[in-house]
N, C-alpha and C. Protein backbone atom coordinates (compact mmCIF):
# COMPACT_ATOMS: atom_id res chain seq x y z
N MET A 1 -51.86 24.76 -28.80
CA MET A 1 -53.40 24.39 -29.05
C MET A 1 -53.79 23.19 -28.54
N ILE A 2 -54.84 23.27 -28.20
CA ILE A 2 -55.41 22.86 -26.97
C ILE A 2 -56.79 21.87 -28.29
N THR A 3 -56.72 20.47 -27.81
CA THR A 3 -58.05 19.72 -28.60
C THR A 3 -58.66 18.67 -27.77
N ALA A 4 -60.20 18.75 -28.00
CA ALA A 4 -60.86 17.85 -27.14
C ALA A 4 -60.60 17.09 -27.68
N LEU A 5 -60.75 15.38 -26.73
CA LEU A 5 -60.55 14.30 -27.19
C LEU A 5 -61.54 13.44 -27.44
N ASP A 6 -62.87 13.10 -27.17
CA ASP A 6 -64.35 12.29 -26.93
C ASP A 6 -64.25 11.02 -27.83
N PRO A 7 -64.41 10.52 -26.35
CA PRO A 7 -64.48 8.74 -26.83
C PRO A 7 -65.39 8.52 -27.70
N ALA A 8 -66.82 8.97 -28.27
CA ALA A 8 -67.44 8.84 -29.96
C ALA A 8 -66.00 9.48 -31.24
N GLY A 9 -65.12 9.81 -31.16
CA GLY A 9 -64.37 10.10 -31.96
C GLY A 9 -63.05 9.41 -32.21
N TYR A 10 -63.18 8.09 -31.26
CA TYR A 10 -61.77 7.47 -30.63
C TYR A 10 -61.83 6.48 -31.88
N ARG A 11 -60.66 5.91 -32.50
CA ARG A 11 -60.74 5.09 -33.30
C ARG A 11 -60.54 3.38 -32.91
N ARG A 12 -61.12 2.23 -33.32
CA ARG A 12 -60.68 0.92 -32.51
C ARG A 12 -60.08 0.34 -34.25
N THR A 13 -58.84 -0.31 -33.91
CA THR A 13 -57.85 -0.48 -34.41
C THR A 13 -57.79 -2.12 -34.22
N PRO A 14 -57.93 -3.32 -34.89
CA PRO A 14 -57.18 -4.53 -34.50
C PRO A 14 -56.17 -4.78 -34.18
N TRP A 15 -55.72 -5.89 -33.04
CA TRP A 15 -54.29 -6.23 -33.04
C TRP A 15 -53.62 -6.89 -34.23
N LYS A 16 -52.38 -6.79 -34.44
CA LYS A 16 -51.52 -7.17 -35.21
C LYS A 16 -51.88 -8.72 -35.09
N ASN A 17 -51.63 -9.16 -33.82
CA ASN A 17 -51.57 -11.01 -33.59
C ASN A 17 -53.29 -10.63 -33.44
N GLY A 18 -54.40 -9.74 -33.82
CA GLY A 18 -55.81 -10.36 -33.78
C GLY A 18 -56.44 -11.08 -32.93
N GLY A 19 -55.71 -10.85 -31.38
CA GLY A 19 -56.25 -11.10 -30.24
C GLY A 19 -56.97 -9.83 -29.86
N GLY A 20 -57.65 -9.31 -30.13
CA GLY A 20 -58.43 -7.72 -29.47
C GLY A 20 -58.18 -6.34 -30.23
N VAL A 21 -58.70 -5.64 -29.37
CA VAL A 21 -58.60 -4.43 -30.51
C VAL A 21 -58.54 -3.11 -29.33
N THR A 22 -57.36 -2.01 -29.81
CA THR A 22 -57.29 -0.86 -29.50
C THR A 22 -57.88 0.44 -29.11
N VAL A 23 -58.67 0.65 -28.73
CA VAL A 23 -58.90 1.49 -28.81
C VAL A 23 -57.95 3.14 -28.74
N ASP A 24 -57.87 3.82 -30.31
CA ASP A 24 -56.83 4.81 -30.23
C ASP A 24 -57.56 6.47 -29.79
N ILE A 25 -57.11 6.52 -29.21
CA ILE A 25 -57.55 8.03 -28.45
C ILE A 25 -56.73 8.98 -29.27
N ALA A 26 -55.67 9.06 -29.70
CA ALA A 26 -55.10 10.33 -30.38
C ALA A 26 -53.36 9.25 -31.16
N GLU A 27 -53.40 9.66 -31.97
CA GLU A 27 -52.24 9.26 -32.87
C GLU A 27 -52.30 9.89 -34.49
N HIS A 28 -50.58 10.10 -34.37
CA HIS A 28 -49.90 11.32 -35.73
C HIS A 28 -48.93 10.24 -36.59
N GLU A 29 -49.81 9.77 -38.35
CA GLU A 29 -49.30 8.66 -38.70
C GLU A 29 -48.65 7.55 -38.60
N ASP A 30 -47.38 7.68 -39.21
CA ASP A 30 -46.91 6.06 -38.65
C ASP A 30 -45.65 6.74 -37.51
N ALA A 31 -46.18 7.97 -36.91
CA ALA A 31 -44.96 8.66 -36.11
C ALA A 31 -45.60 7.80 -34.40
N TRP A 32 -46.55 7.45 -33.72
CA TRP A 32 -47.17 7.34 -32.85
C TRP A 32 -48.46 7.42 -32.74
N ARG A 33 -48.93 6.18 -31.32
CA ARG A 33 -50.18 5.77 -30.99
C ARG A 33 -50.29 6.34 -29.38
N PHE A 34 -51.45 6.81 -29.20
CA PHE A 34 -51.86 6.86 -27.84
C PHE A 34 -53.00 6.47 -26.95
N GLY A 35 -53.36 4.97 -27.06
CA GLY A 35 -54.43 4.01 -26.66
C GLY A 35 -55.05 2.78 -25.68
N ARG A 36 -55.97 2.76 -25.55
CA ARG A 36 -56.02 2.13 -24.31
C ARG A 36 -56.85 0.26 -25.12
N THR A 37 -56.73 -0.82 -24.12
CA THR A 37 -57.48 -2.03 -24.29
C THR A 37 -57.58 -2.84 -23.62
N SER A 38 -58.48 -3.57 -23.40
CA SER A 38 -58.21 -4.56 -22.78
C SER A 38 -57.86 -5.99 -22.63
N ILE A 39 -57.03 -6.54 -22.23
CA ILE A 39 -56.20 -8.20 -22.03
C ILE A 39 -57.11 -8.50 -21.46
N THR A 40 -58.09 -9.94 -21.98
CA THR A 40 -59.09 -10.85 -21.61
C THR A 40 -58.29 -11.93 -21.99
N THR A 41 -57.58 -12.01 -22.65
CA THR A 41 -56.57 -13.89 -22.09
C THR A 41 -55.32 -13.51 -22.07
N PRO A 42 -54.31 -14.28 -21.56
CA PRO A 42 -52.75 -13.91 -22.20
C PRO A 42 -52.78 -14.69 -23.33
N GLY A 43 -51.38 -14.07 -24.13
CA GLY A 43 -51.36 -14.24 -25.33
C GLY A 43 -50.06 -13.65 -25.73
N PRO A 44 -49.04 -13.80 -27.00
CA PRO A 44 -47.82 -12.87 -27.61
C PRO A 44 -48.80 -10.99 -27.52
N PHE A 45 -47.22 -10.39 -27.41
CA PHE A 45 -47.37 -9.52 -28.20
C PHE A 45 -47.40 -9.29 -29.58
N SER A 46 -47.91 -8.04 -30.37
CA SER A 46 -47.17 -8.02 -31.49
C SER A 46 -45.38 -7.60 -31.37
N ASP A 47 -45.40 -7.65 -32.32
CA ASP A 47 -43.93 -7.14 -32.38
C ASP A 47 -44.44 -5.59 -33.14
N TYR A 48 -43.46 -4.94 -32.55
CA TYR A 48 -43.25 -3.50 -33.10
C TYR A 48 -41.72 -3.16 -33.07
N SER A 49 -40.62 -3.63 -34.02
CA SER A 49 -40.25 -3.16 -34.04
C SER A 49 -39.75 -1.76 -34.59
N GLY A 50 -38.93 -0.80 -34.07
CA GLY A 50 -38.50 0.29 -33.91
C GLY A 50 -39.23 1.11 -32.83
N PHE A 51 -40.11 0.38 -32.58
CA PHE A 51 -40.65 1.47 -32.01
C PHE A 51 -40.45 1.24 -29.87
N ASP A 52 -40.77 2.14 -29.58
CA ASP A 52 -40.56 2.38 -28.01
C ASP A 52 -42.21 2.17 -27.50
N ARG A 53 -42.24 1.27 -26.77
CA ARG A 53 -43.26 1.26 -25.57
C ARG A 53 -43.42 1.62 -24.24
N ALA A 54 -44.29 2.44 -24.01
CA ALA A 54 -44.79 2.83 -22.62
C ALA A 54 -45.81 2.00 -22.20
N GLN A 55 -46.45 1.80 -21.05
CA GLN A 55 -47.85 0.81 -20.81
C GLN A 55 -47.91 1.16 -18.73
N VAL A 56 -49.33 1.81 -19.23
CA VAL A 56 -49.75 1.77 -17.73
C VAL A 56 -50.77 0.85 -17.67
N LEU A 57 -50.81 0.27 -16.60
CA LEU A 57 -52.73 -0.29 -15.97
C LEU A 57 -53.53 -0.04 -15.60
N VAL A 58 -54.47 0.27 -16.17
CA VAL A 58 -55.81 1.25 -15.55
C VAL A 58 -56.63 0.90 -14.58
N ALA A 59 -56.61 -1.03 -15.01
CA ALA A 59 -57.93 -1.78 -14.83
C ALA A 59 -57.36 -3.07 -14.10
N GLY A 60 -58.11 -3.41 -13.50
CA GLY A 60 -57.45 -5.06 -12.93
C GLY A 60 -56.37 -4.76 -12.66
N ARG A 61 -55.67 -6.04 -11.64
CA ARG A 61 -54.86 -5.94 -10.92
C ARG A 61 -53.71 -7.46 -12.03
N GLY A 62 -52.50 -7.42 -12.16
CA GLY A 62 -52.00 -8.77 -12.37
C GLY A 62 -51.41 -9.35 -13.42
N LEU A 63 -51.10 -8.32 -14.14
CA LEU A 63 -50.42 -7.94 -14.98
C LEU A 63 -48.86 -8.59 -15.10
N VAL A 64 -48.56 -9.50 -16.40
CA VAL A 64 -46.45 -9.76 -16.30
C VAL A 64 -46.67 -10.33 -17.40
N LEU A 65 -45.93 -9.35 -18.08
CA LEU A 65 -45.14 -9.28 -19.73
C LEU A 65 -44.07 -10.20 -19.42
N GLN A 66 -44.09 -11.70 -19.67
CA GLN A 66 -42.87 -12.13 -20.12
C GLN A 66 -41.93 -12.24 -21.11
N THR A 67 -40.51 -12.06 -20.66
CA THR A 67 -40.13 -12.15 -21.73
C THR A 67 -38.71 -13.14 -22.00
N PRO A 68 -37.67 -13.07 -22.92
CA PRO A 68 -35.79 -14.15 -22.62
C PRO A 68 -35.52 -13.47 -21.97
N ASP A 69 -35.45 -12.22 -21.73
CA ASP A 69 -34.68 -11.61 -20.42
C ASP A 69 -35.04 -11.78 -18.75
N GLY A 70 -36.43 -11.98 -18.85
CA GLY A 70 -37.47 -11.98 -17.40
C GLY A 70 -38.42 -11.30 -17.60
N CYS A 71 -38.99 -11.03 -16.81
CA CYS A 71 -40.30 -10.45 -16.76
C CYS A 71 -40.73 -9.09 -16.40
N ILE A 72 -41.50 -7.66 -16.95
CA ILE A 72 -41.90 -6.74 -16.63
C ILE A 72 -42.61 -6.87 -15.95
N ASP A 73 -42.89 -5.95 -14.90
CA ASP A 73 -44.03 -6.38 -14.10
C ASP A 73 -45.10 -5.09 -14.15
N VAL A 74 -46.07 -5.50 -14.22
CA VAL A 74 -47.27 -4.26 -15.01
C VAL A 74 -48.89 -4.88 -13.24
N ARG A 75 -48.52 -5.49 -12.34
CA ARG A 75 -48.86 -6.01 -12.03
C ARG A 75 -50.22 -4.77 -11.14
N THR A 76 -49.46 -3.85 -10.78
CA THR A 76 -50.01 -2.43 -10.23
C THR A 76 -50.43 -1.47 -11.04
N PRO A 77 -51.48 -1.44 -10.32
CA PRO A 77 -51.70 0.11 -11.47
C PRO A 77 -51.47 1.11 -11.44
N LEU A 78 -51.61 1.29 -12.15
CA LEU A 78 -50.71 3.38 -12.70
C LEU A 78 -49.71 3.19 -11.96
N ARG A 79 -48.41 2.37 -12.37
CA ARG A 79 -47.25 2.18 -12.49
C ARG A 79 -46.72 2.02 -13.97
N PRO A 80 -46.19 2.86 -14.82
CA PRO A 80 -45.74 2.97 -16.27
C PRO A 80 -44.86 2.31 -15.82
N VAL A 81 -44.57 1.11 -17.52
CA VAL A 81 -44.22 0.23 -17.71
C VAL A 81 -42.95 0.24 -18.98
N VAL A 82 -41.73 1.09 -19.59
CA VAL A 82 -40.97 1.04 -20.68
C VAL A 82 -40.64 -0.41 -21.45
N PHE A 83 -40.96 -0.56 -22.61
CA PHE A 83 -39.94 -1.31 -23.12
C PHE A 83 -39.77 -1.38 -24.70
N ALA A 84 -39.05 -2.14 -25.28
CA ALA A 84 -38.94 -1.92 -26.48
C ALA A 84 -39.63 -2.85 -27.44
N GLY A 85 -40.38 -2.40 -29.02
CA GLY A 85 -41.53 -2.66 -29.16
C GLY A 85 -41.29 -4.02 -29.88
N GLU A 86 -39.56 -3.95 -30.17
CA GLU A 86 -39.58 -5.37 -30.31
C GLU A 86 -39.16 -6.81 -29.82
N THR A 87 -39.00 -6.15 -28.38
CA THR A 87 -38.99 -7.47 -27.18
C THR A 87 -39.99 -8.63 -27.63
N PRO A 88 -39.52 -9.73 -27.75
CA PRO A 88 -40.56 -11.19 -28.02
C PRO A 88 -41.43 -10.96 -26.26
N ILE A 89 -42.98 -10.31 -25.96
CA ILE A 89 -43.24 -10.94 -24.73
C ILE A 89 -44.79 -11.52 -25.04
N VAL A 90 -45.01 -12.23 -23.80
CA VAL A 90 -46.20 -13.43 -23.62
C VAL A 90 -46.85 -12.79 -22.25
N SER A 91 -48.09 -12.62 -22.26
CA SER A 91 -48.71 -11.83 -21.64
C SER A 91 -49.06 -12.55 -20.32
N ARG A 92 -49.24 -12.30 -19.37
CA ARG A 92 -49.61 -13.78 -18.49
C ARG A 92 -50.49 -12.86 -17.42
N LEU A 93 -52.18 -13.60 -16.89
CA LEU A 93 -52.62 -12.74 -16.33
C LEU A 93 -53.56 -13.94 -14.94
N GLU A 94 -53.01 -13.02 -14.22
CA GLU A 94 -52.64 -13.68 -12.26
C GLU A 94 -54.29 -13.51 -11.59
N SER A 95 -54.65 -12.18 -12.60
CA SER A 95 -56.10 -12.25 -11.85
C SER A 95 -57.22 -11.46 -12.73
N GLY A 96 -57.33 -12.44 -13.90
CA GLY A 96 -58.06 -12.24 -14.54
C GLY A 96 -57.78 -10.93 -15.18
N PRO A 97 -58.48 -10.80 -16.24
CA PRO A 97 -58.70 -9.22 -17.75
C PRO A 97 -58.39 -8.10 -16.62
N VAL A 98 -57.70 -7.29 -17.88
CA VAL A 98 -57.17 -6.14 -16.87
C VAL A 98 -57.10 -4.96 -18.27
N GLU A 99 -57.28 -4.02 -18.43
CA GLU A 99 -57.31 -2.77 -19.64
C GLU A 99 -55.48 -1.73 -18.93
N VAL A 100 -55.18 -1.66 -20.35
CA VAL A 100 -54.39 -1.11 -19.92
C VAL A 100 -54.35 0.66 -21.58
N VAL A 101 -53.42 1.68 -20.84
CA VAL A 101 -53.12 2.51 -21.91
C VAL A 101 -51.42 2.44 -22.48
N ASN A 102 -51.45 2.44 -23.36
CA ASN A 102 -49.96 2.82 -24.29
C ASN A 102 -49.53 4.21 -25.05
N LEU A 103 -49.08 4.07 -24.97
CA LEU A 103 -48.38 5.51 -25.75
C LEU A 103 -46.67 4.44 -26.74
N ILE A 104 -47.20 4.81 -27.64
CA ILE A 104 -46.51 3.03 -28.93
C ILE A 104 -45.69 4.67 -29.47
N GLY A 105 -44.23 4.87 -29.71
CA GLY A 105 -43.88 5.70 -30.35
C GLY A 105 -42.35 4.75 -31.66
N ASN A 106 -42.17 5.69 -32.77
CA ASN A 106 -41.59 5.36 -33.60
C ASN A 106 -39.99 5.74 -33.45
N ARG A 107 -38.89 5.16 -32.75
CA ARG A 107 -38.33 5.60 -31.80
C ARG A 107 -37.09 6.68 -33.00
N ALA A 108 -37.37 5.80 -33.87
CA ALA A 108 -36.63 7.08 -35.61
C ALA A 108 -37.25 8.39 -35.27
N ARG A 109 -38.33 8.95 -35.11
CA ARG A 109 -38.95 10.03 -35.02
C ARG A 109 -39.57 10.39 -34.10
N VAL A 110 -39.79 9.90 -32.83
CA VAL A 110 -39.96 10.37 -31.75
C VAL A 110 -39.56 10.00 -30.75
N ARG A 111 -39.79 10.78 -29.51
CA ARG A 111 -39.12 9.85 -28.07
C ARG A 111 -40.61 10.24 -27.17
N ILE A 112 -40.69 9.12 -26.61
CA ILE A 112 -41.94 9.09 -26.09
C ILE A 112 -41.71 8.76 -24.05
N ASP A 113 -42.85 9.67 -23.54
CA ASP A 113 -42.61 9.19 -22.20
C ASP A 113 -44.34 9.12 -21.88
N LEU A 114 -44.45 8.77 -20.74
CA LEU A 114 -46.43 8.38 -19.64
C LEU A 114 -45.66 8.29 -18.10
N GLN A 115 -46.64 9.22 -17.65
CA GLN A 115 -46.73 9.29 -16.17
C GLN A 115 -47.96 10.05 -16.07
N VAL A 116 -48.19 9.78 -14.63
CA VAL A 116 -49.23 9.71 -14.10
C VAL A 116 -49.35 10.57 -13.15
N LEU A 117 -50.49 11.14 -13.06
CA LEU A 117 -50.03 12.93 -12.00
C LEU A 117 -51.66 12.37 -11.73
N ARG A 118 -51.52 12.65 -9.98
CA ARG A 118 -52.25 12.33 -9.48
C ARG A 118 -52.50 14.28 -9.05
N ALA A 119 -53.88 14.27 -8.08
CA ALA A 119 -54.46 15.61 -7.21
C ALA A 119 -52.82 15.82 -6.27
N GLY A 120 -52.09 17.55 -7.39
CA GLY A 120 -51.62 18.08 -6.21
C GLY A 120 -49.73 18.29 -7.26
N ALA A 121 -50.46 16.98 -8.12
CA ALA A 121 -48.94 17.19 -8.66
C ALA A 121 -48.58 18.26 -10.12
N ALA A 122 -47.58 18.61 -10.97
CA ALA A 122 -47.35 19.17 -11.41
C ALA A 122 -45.99 18.86 -12.45
N MET A 123 -46.14 19.01 -14.12
CA MET A 123 -45.00 18.48 -14.54
C MET A 123 -45.03 19.26 -15.83
N GLY A 124 -43.73 19.85 -16.18
CA GLY A 124 -43.29 20.67 -17.20
C GLY A 124 -42.53 19.95 -17.88
N ARG A 125 -43.42 20.00 -18.96
CA ARG A 125 -43.05 19.66 -20.63
C ARG A 125 -42.33 20.29 -21.40
N SER A 126 -41.65 19.96 -22.67
CA SER A 126 -41.18 20.42 -23.55
C SER A 126 -42.13 20.77 -24.50
N ALA A 127 -41.69 21.50 -25.70
CA ALA A 127 -42.43 21.85 -27.00
C ALA A 127 -42.60 20.10 -26.96
N GLY A 128 -43.75 20.02 -28.45
CA GLY A 128 -44.55 18.61 -28.56
C GLY A 128 -45.54 18.64 -28.93
N THR A 129 -46.46 17.18 -28.67
CA THR A 129 -47.14 16.75 -28.23
C THR A 129 -48.18 16.15 -27.09
N HIS A 130 -48.55 16.25 -26.49
CA HIS A 130 -49.04 15.96 -24.67
C HIS A 130 -50.32 15.23 -25.17
N ILE A 131 -50.64 14.13 -24.40
CA ILE A 131 -51.98 13.89 -24.22
C ILE A 131 -52.72 13.75 -22.92
N VAL A 132 -53.82 14.23 -22.51
CA VAL A 132 -53.30 13.86 -21.13
C VAL A 132 -55.20 13.48 -20.91
N TYR A 133 -55.57 12.57 -20.23
CA TYR A 133 -56.56 11.23 -20.22
C TYR A 133 -56.78 10.83 -19.31
N ALA A 134 -58.13 11.08 -18.74
CA ALA A 134 -58.75 10.59 -17.43
C ALA A 134 -58.83 9.75 -17.50
N THR A 135 -58.45 8.37 -16.70
CA THR A 135 -58.72 6.87 -17.56
C THR A 135 -59.88 6.38 -16.38
N GLY A 136 -59.89 7.02 -15.16
CA GLY A 136 -60.52 5.72 -14.05
C GLY A 136 -61.43 7.39 -13.95
N GLY A 137 -62.07 8.42 -13.84
CA GLY A 137 -62.83 9.06 -13.58
C GLY A 137 -62.62 10.70 -13.85
N PRO A 138 -63.80 11.44 -13.42
CA PRO A 138 -63.44 12.91 -13.91
C PRO A 138 -62.61 13.09 -13.45
N ALA A 139 -61.59 14.56 -13.76
CA ALA A 139 -60.53 14.98 -13.43
C ALA A 139 -60.79 16.28 -14.12
N ALA A 140 -59.87 16.71 -12.80
CA ALA A 140 -59.54 18.35 -13.35
C ALA A 140 -57.82 19.04 -13.27
N LEU A 141 -57.80 19.76 -14.46
CA LEU A 141 -56.19 20.40 -14.10
C LEU A 141 -56.19 21.63 -15.00
N ALA A 142 -54.79 22.08 -14.69
CA ALA A 142 -54.41 23.47 -14.90
C ALA A 142 -53.14 23.43 -16.29
N ILE A 143 -53.68 23.70 -17.35
CA ILE A 143 -52.40 24.08 -18.73
C ILE A 143 -52.06 24.73 -18.52
N ASP A 144 -50.80 25.73 -17.74
CA ASP A 144 -50.11 26.95 -17.31
C ASP A 144 -51.19 27.66 -17.19
N GLY A 145 -51.88 27.05 -16.21
CA GLY A 145 -52.78 28.21 -14.81
C GLY A 145 -53.72 27.53 -15.18
N ALA A 146 -54.51 27.98 -16.81
CA ALA A 146 -55.92 27.90 -17.27
C ALA A 146 -56.21 26.53 -16.77
N ALA A 147 -57.63 26.30 -15.98
CA ALA A 147 -58.58 25.36 -15.65
C ALA A 147 -59.07 24.50 -16.72
N HIS A 148 -59.05 23.59 -16.46
CA HIS A 148 -59.87 22.40 -17.69
C HIS A 148 -60.76 21.51 -16.14
N ARG A 149 -61.41 20.68 -17.11
CA ARG A 149 -62.06 19.50 -16.55
C ARG A 149 -62.25 18.46 -17.72
N LEU A 150 -62.17 16.91 -16.87
CA LEU A 150 -62.11 15.87 -18.32
C LEU A 150 -62.82 15.55 -17.64
N ALA A 151 -64.06 14.55 -18.88
CA ALA A 151 -64.84 13.62 -17.95
C ALA A 151 -64.08 12.53 -18.07
N ALA A 152 -64.25 10.91 -17.97
CA ALA A 152 -63.86 9.81 -17.62
C ALA A 152 -63.68 9.64 -18.74
N ASP A 153 -63.01 9.14 -19.21
CA ASP A 153 -62.26 8.46 -20.70
C ASP A 153 -62.31 9.40 -21.58
N HIS A 154 -62.15 10.36 -21.54
CA HIS A 154 -61.74 11.98 -22.40
C HIS A 154 -60.35 12.51 -22.36
N ALA A 155 -60.02 12.77 -22.74
CA ALA A 155 -58.57 13.26 -22.92
C ALA A 155 -58.64 15.15 -23.68
N LEU A 156 -57.19 15.31 -23.77
CA LEU A 156 -56.74 16.77 -24.45
C LEU A 156 -56.12 16.51 -25.41
N ARG A 157 -55.61 16.60 -26.42
CA ARG A 157 -54.37 16.83 -26.68
C ARG A 157 -53.92 18.19 -27.65
N LEU A 158 -52.66 18.55 -26.49
CA LEU A 158 -51.85 19.45 -26.53
C LEU A 158 -50.50 18.93 -27.58
N SER A 159 -50.86 20.78 -28.47
CA SER A 159 -49.94 20.93 -29.10
C SER A 159 -48.92 22.51 -28.78
N VAL A 160 -47.89 21.92 -28.79
CA VAL A 160 -47.06 22.95 -28.28
C VAL A 160 -46.04 23.57 -27.98
N GLY A 161 -45.86 24.74 -28.76
CA GLY A 161 -44.49 25.03 -29.29
C GLY A 161 -43.28 25.97 -28.54
N SER A 162 -44.06 25.44 -26.92
CA SER A 162 -42.64 25.86 -25.90
C SER A 162 -42.99 25.24 -24.56
N PRO A 163 -42.04 25.08 -23.47
CA PRO A 163 -42.16 24.62 -22.13
C PRO A 163 -44.18 24.82 -21.95
N THR A 164 -44.22 23.95 -20.94
CA THR A 164 -45.87 23.95 -20.66
C THR A 164 -45.55 23.28 -19.65
N MET A 165 -46.44 23.92 -18.38
CA MET A 165 -47.09 23.46 -17.29
C MET A 165 -48.25 22.63 -17.85
N VAL A 166 -48.11 21.46 -17.02
CA VAL A 166 -49.40 20.44 -16.40
C VAL A 166 -49.77 20.23 -15.16
N ALA A 167 -50.91 20.55 -14.42
CA ALA A 167 -51.12 20.35 -12.97
C ALA A 167 -52.28 19.48 -12.80
N CYS A 168 -52.34 18.34 -12.32
CA CYS A 168 -53.24 18.20 -12.03
C CYS A 168 -54.37 18.85 -11.32
N THR A 169 -55.49 19.10 -10.64
CA THR A 169 -55.92 19.66 -9.53
C THR A 169 -57.31 18.59 -9.31
N GLY A 170 -57.46 17.88 -9.51
CA GLY A 170 -58.62 16.90 -8.90
C GLY A 170 -58.01 15.70 -10.16
N GLY A 171 -58.78 14.59 -9.12
CA GLY A 171 -58.55 13.05 -9.95
C GLY A 171 -57.55 12.30 -10.44
N VAL A 172 -56.95 11.78 -11.30
CA VAL A 172 -55.67 11.15 -11.58
C VAL A 172 -55.99 11.40 -13.00
N LEU A 173 -54.72 11.29 -13.42
CA LEU A 173 -54.40 11.58 -14.84
C LEU A 173 -53.60 10.86 -15.63
N LEU A 174 -53.14 10.62 -16.76
CA LEU A 174 -52.31 9.78 -17.63
C LEU A 174 -51.81 11.27 -18.37
N LEU A 175 -50.14 11.02 -18.39
CA LEU A 175 -49.51 12.43 -19.70
C LEU A 175 -49.02 11.96 -20.33
N GLY A 176 -48.93 11.60 -21.22
CA GLY A 176 -48.72 10.55 -22.21
C GLY A 176 -47.81 12.25 -22.86
N SER A 177 -46.68 12.12 -23.43
CA SER A 177 -45.72 13.43 -24.39
C SER A 177 -44.87 12.35 -25.37
N VAL A 178 -45.23 13.18 -26.69
CA VAL A 178 -44.84 13.36 -27.81
C VAL A 178 -43.49 14.48 -28.33
N ILE A 179 -41.89 13.61 -28.23
CA ILE A 179 -41.30 14.97 -28.69
C ILE A 179 -40.04 14.11 -29.97
N CYS A 180 -40.57 15.29 -31.28
CA CYS A 180 -40.12 14.33 -32.44
C CYS A 180 -38.54 15.04 -32.13
N VAL A 181 -37.79 14.09 -32.43
CA VAL A 181 -35.92 14.09 -32.66
C VAL A 181 -35.86 14.56 -33.80
């Protein structure tokens, strides 16, 4: 099943720490959510104990996540990072505000993966829920060979019961995958 996700239907959720708002593109109860957010000032990240987080910089440069064990480098756009939700984090902005896409999953219920697909790239995905998101501009893709187009900031939610092939045929796509455990 493929469901189109339009920005008009995205839900806005205030951050737990009160420092901003996340645009929730897709979610499922308390198991997972896929969203986009602006980080305009440095500060602490919310505690998501029991959740895994994948994050990718989609606009701006220079985001560094400071943890007690060192820094997580998110300076380079379109290079995903993964970390535990309970990790104490304070963000540092080296070159002004940024925007990120987050995939957050309750590790007792799901496994998450966040990938970047550029034109010509294809990726097989197992049964589960997958969000394909055009972050920076229009994009084209094929799902098991069937062509689709996405305008900037639009997404598709794929709910599949068997392995599926997602190919980027134009532009850049984010592919967030959620697999039940």
